[in-house]
Amino acid sequence: MITQEQLNRSISYPQYTALLQTLLEQGKTTGHDQSEEKIGFARINIQRMARLDKTVQLTEETKTALHKVKGEFIWLLLTEGWCGDTSQNIPVMHAMEKECPQLSLRLIMRDDNPDIMDQYLTNGARSIPKLVCLKKTTLEEMFTWGPRPAPVQAMVMDLLKNGVSKEEKGLKVQQWYNTDKTLSLQKELTALATQYMLG
C-alpha cells in the first residue's frame, strides 16, 4: 500500500515540467541513466507535452464522468522525463485533473522510488508510465493503469515478439498516437473513473 510518506515525494505536473526544463538546461534528464539518448528523448518530450497541453480536448463523455466523481482521489504516476509514452499521455491526465476539482495528479520518479515501482511491474518489468489511483482519505488503491493504452500496448508486444528494431517500434508507436489523438486513453480512464470514482 502507498504511504503518505511515499506520496510526500511526489510533485505536481507543473513542477514536473519545470524540473525537466531545468535539468535539460544543465544537459541532464531525470533518472539514473544520463545517456545522450535519454537526454535527447527528454528534449523531444518537453516539446511534445507543451504542444499537447495546448491541443488536448476532452470528450463530452470524459467531462460528464469527471463531473460525477464522488470523493477525492490522487492519481499517482510513476514516470521519468525521457519516457515517450508519458509525454503522450500525461497532458490528457492533467486536462482531466483541471476538469475535476476532486482529482489531484501527482508524479513520482521511477528510478528514485523502487519501493513503489516494484509493486507495479508489467510482465516483470519497470514499465512506465504507471498510474495508481488512490482514495485521498485512506490511500486505498482503487485501480491501476499503464504503461500505454491497450491498443498500442498490444501492438508493442506484437512488434517486440517479431523482433523489430527499436527505431521502427518508436516510429510505429508515434504514428499510432498521432492517429488516435488521445481518444483511447480518454476512453480507458473514463471507464475506470466511472467504475471506481463515482461513489
Protein backbone atom coordinates (compact mmCIF):
# COMPACT_ATOMS: atom_id res chain seq x y z
CA MET A 1 0.00 0.00 0.00
CA ILE A 2 1.22 3.51 -0.83
CA THR A 3 2.00 5.52 2.30
CA GLN A 4 1.71 9.24 2.98
CA GLU A 5 5.50 9.36 3.37
CA GLN A 6 5.89 7.99 -0.16
CA LEU A 7 3.28 10.41 -1.50
CA ASN A 8 5.23 13.30 0.04
CA ARG A 9 7.99 12.61 -2.53
CA SER A 10 5.62 13.33 -5.43
CA ILE A 11 5.28 16.56 -7.40
CA SER A 12 2.60 18.24 -9.50
CA TYR A 13 2.59 18.26 -13.30
CA PRO A 14 3.71 21.92 -13.50
CA GLN A 15 6.54 21.12 -11.06
CA TYR A 16 7.49 18.12 -13.21
CA THR A 17 7.72 20.12 -16.44
CA ALA A 18 9.68 22.86 -14.63
CA LEU A 19 12.07 20.24 -13.19
CA LEU A 20 12.60 18.65 -16.59
CA GLN A 21 13.21 22.04 -18.22
CA THR A 22 15.79 22.94 -15.54
CA LEU A 23 17.58 19.61 -15.92
CA LEU A 24 17.65 19.90 -19.71
CA GLU A 25 19.25 23.36 -19.42
CA GLN A 26 22.01 21.57 -17.46
CA GLY A 27 22.29 18.85 -20.11
CA LYS A 28 20.52 16.30 -17.92
CA THR A 29 17.21 14.48 -17.57
CA THR A 30 15.51 12.72 -14.65
CA GLY A 31 16.52 9.22 -13.68
CA HIS A 32 19.75 7.30 -13.23
CA ASP A 33 20.54 6.87 -16.96
CA GLN A 34 22.05 10.14 -18.16
CA SER A 35 22.94 8.92 -21.66
CA GLU A 36 22.76 11.24 -24.66
CA GLU A 37 19.91 9.11 -25.98
CA LYS A 38 17.80 9.58 -22.85
CA ILE A 39 18.52 13.32 -22.74
CA GLY A 40 17.54 13.56 -26.41
CA PHE A 41 14.25 11.80 -25.70
CA ALA A 42 13.57 14.21 -22.83
CA ARG A 43 14.11 17.21 -25.15
CA ILE A 44 11.51 15.83 -27.55
CA ASN A 45 9.14 15.06 -24.69
CA ILE A 46 9.14 18.54 -23.15
CA GLN A 47 8.17 19.97 -26.56
CA ARG A 48 5.52 17.30 -27.11
CA MET A 49 3.93 17.91 -23.71
CA ALA A 50 3.84 21.67 -24.31
CA ARG A 51 2.12 21.07 -27.67
CA LEU A 52 -0.39 18.59 -26.25
CA ASP A 53 -1.15 20.86 -23.29
CA LYS A 54 -2.49 23.37 -25.85
CA THR A 55 -4.33 20.92 -28.09
CA VAL A 56 -5.84 18.19 -25.87
CA GLN A 57 -9.63 18.34 -25.90
CA LEU A 58 -11.58 16.15 -23.53
CA THR A 59 -14.60 14.35 -24.95
CA GLU A 60 -18.06 15.11 -23.60
CA GLU A 61 -18.18 11.56 -22.22
CA THR A 62 -14.97 12.16 -20.26
CA LYS A 63 -16.15 15.52 -18.93
CA THR A 64 -19.51 14.08 -17.88
CA ALA A 65 -17.85 11.25 -15.94
CA LEU A 66 -15.41 13.63 -14.22
CA HIS A 67 -18.25 15.92 -13.14
CA LYS A 68 -19.90 12.95 -11.39
CA VAL A 69 -16.85 11.99 -9.30
CA LYS A 70 -17.71 11.45 -5.62
CA GLY A 71 -14.98 11.86 -3.02
CA GLU A 72 -11.38 12.94 -3.52
CA PHE A 73 -8.72 10.97 -5.37
CA ILE A 74 -4.99 11.06 -6.06
CA TRP A 75 -3.62 9.86 -9.37
CA LEU A 76 0.00 8.91 -8.66
CA LEU A 77 2.00 8.47 -11.86
CA LEU A 78 5.38 6.73 -11.95
CA THR A 79 7.48 8.25 -14.70
CA GLU A 80 10.80 9.65 -15.96
CA GLY A 81 11.47 12.63 -18.19
CA TRP A 82 12.85 10.51 -21.05
CA CYS A 83 9.71 8.32 -21.30
CA GLY A 84 7.94 8.94 -24.60
CA ASP A 85 4.71 7.26 -23.55
CA THR A 86 4.48 9.53 -20.51
CA SER A 87 4.77 12.61 -22.70
CA GLN A 88 1.93 11.33 -24.92
CA ASN A 89 -0.42 10.55 -22.03
CA ILE A 90 0.22 12.87 -19.11
CA PRO A 91 -1.18 16.04 -20.76
CA VAL A 92 -4.51 14.19 -21.01
CA MET A 93 -4.35 13.25 -17.32
CA HIS A 94 -3.54 16.87 -16.46
CA ALA A 95 -6.51 18.07 -18.53
CA MET A 96 -8.71 15.63 -16.59
CA GLU A 97 -7.28 16.94 -13.33
CA LYS A 98 -8.17 20.50 -14.33
CA GLU A 99 -11.71 19.38 -15.22
CA CYS A 100 -12.25 17.63 -11.86
CA PRO A 101 -11.55 19.54 -8.61
CA GLN A 102 -11.65 16.30 -6.59
CA LEU A 103 -8.74 14.85 -8.56
CA SER A 104 -5.06 15.52 -7.79
CA LEU A 105 -2.41 14.32 -10.27
CA ARG A 106 0.97 13.64 -8.66
CA LEU A 107 4.17 12.44 -10.32
CA ILE A 108 6.95 10.40 -8.81
CA MET A 109 10.21 9.31 -10.42
CA ARG A 110 10.65 5.62 -11.16
CA ASP A 111 14.39 5.29 -10.57
CA ASP A 112 14.38 7.09 -7.21
CA ASN A 113 11.41 5.10 -5.88
CA PRO A 114 11.97 1.37 -6.45
CA ASP A 115 9.95 0.66 -3.29
CA ILE A 116 6.87 1.92 -5.16
CA MET A 117 7.79 0.91 -8.70
CA ASP A 118 8.40 -2.71 -7.81
CA GLN A 119 4.82 -3.02 -6.57
CA TYR A 120 3.56 -2.17 -10.07
CA LEU A 121 5.61 -4.15 -12.56
CA THR A 122 4.29 -5.01 -16.03
CA ASN A 123 5.27 -8.53 -17.08
CA GLY A 124 8.09 -8.29 -14.55
CA ALA A 125 9.44 -5.01 -15.98
CA ARG A 126 9.53 -1.48 -14.55
CA SER A 127 7.43 -0.16 -17.43
CA ILE A 128 6.27 3.45 -17.25
CA PRO A 129 4.10 5.41 -17.12
CA LYS A 130 2.17 3.55 -14.44
CA LEU A 131 -0.86 5.24 -12.90
CA VAL A 132 -2.16 4.31 -9.45
CA CYS A 133 -5.50 5.78 -8.33
CA LEU A 134 -5.79 6.25 -4.56
CA LYS A 135 -8.68 7.38 -2.40
CA LYS A 136 -7.31 10.57 -0.80
CA THR A 137 -8.71 10.00 2.70
CA THR A 138 -7.49 6.40 3.17
CA LEU A 139 -4.90 5.93 0.37
CA GLU A 140 -6.85 2.82 -0.61
CA GLU A 141 -5.86 1.70 -4.10
CA MET A 142 -8.83 1.94 -6.49
CA PHE A 143 -7.24 0.96 -9.81
CA THR A 144 -4.02 0.99 -11.84
CA TRP A 145 -3.41 1.83 -15.49
CA GLY A 146 -0.43 1.67 -17.79
CA PRO A 147 2.04 1.74 -19.33
CA ARG A 148 0.08 2.50 -22.53
CA PRO A 149 -3.47 2.49 -23.88
CA ALA A 150 -4.46 -1.12 -24.56
CA PRO A 151 -4.40 -0.99 -28.41
CA VAL A 152 -0.86 0.40 -28.63
CA GLN A 153 0.36 -1.85 -25.81
CA ALA A 154 -0.86 -4.88 -27.77
CA MET A 155 0.87 -3.51 -30.87
CA VAL A 156 4.14 -3.01 -29.00
CA MET A 157 4.05 -6.54 -27.56
CA ASP A 158 3.50 -7.88 -31.08
CA LEU A 159 6.36 -5.80 -32.51
CA LEU A 160 8.73 -6.99 -29.79
CA LYS A 161 7.72 -10.59 -30.39
CA ASN A 162 8.57 -10.13 -34.07
CA GLY A 163 11.95 -8.61 -33.31
CA VAL A 164 11.52 -5.20 -34.95
CA SER A 165 14.19 -2.59 -34.26
CA LYS A 166 13.85 0.00 -31.51
CA GLU A 167 13.71 2.72 -34.18
CA GLU A 168 10.90 1.05 -36.12
CA LYS A 169 8.95 0.38 -32.93
CA GLY A 170 9.30 4.02 -31.89
CA LEU A 171 8.09 5.22 -35.29
CA LYS A 172 5.05 2.94 -35.28
CA VAL A 173 4.13 3.95 -31.71
CA GLN A 174 4.42 7.64 -32.63
CA GLN A 175 2.20 7.09 -35.69
CA TRP A 176 -0.38 5.33 -33.52
CA TYR A 177 -0.53 8.20 -31.02
CA ASN A 178 -0.80 10.75 -33.83
CA THR A 179 -3.74 8.90 -35.36
CA ASP A 180 -5.50 8.12 -32.07
CA LYS A 181 -5.49 11.75 -30.87
CA THR A 182 -5.73 10.74 -27.16
CA LEU A 183 -9.16 9.09 -27.61
CA SER A 184 -8.14 5.60 -26.45
CA LEU A 185 -6.60 6.95 -23.26
CA GLN A 186 -9.64 9.10 -22.55
CA LYS A 187 -11.94 6.14 -23.11
CA GLU A 188 -9.93 3.86 -20.80
CA LEU A 189 -9.56 6.40 -17.98
CA THR A 190 -13.22 7.42 -18.30
CA ALA A 191 -14.26 3.78 -17.92
CA LEU A 192 -12.04 3.38 -14.85
CA ALA A 193 -13.28 6.63 -13.31
CA THR A 194 -16.89 5.56 -13.92
CA GLN A 195 -16.26 2.20 -12.28
CA TYR A 196 -14.22 3.34 -9.27
CA MET A 197 -14.67 7.08 -8.66
CA LEU A 198 -18.38 7.81 -8.88
CA GLY A 199 -19.16 6.64 -5.34
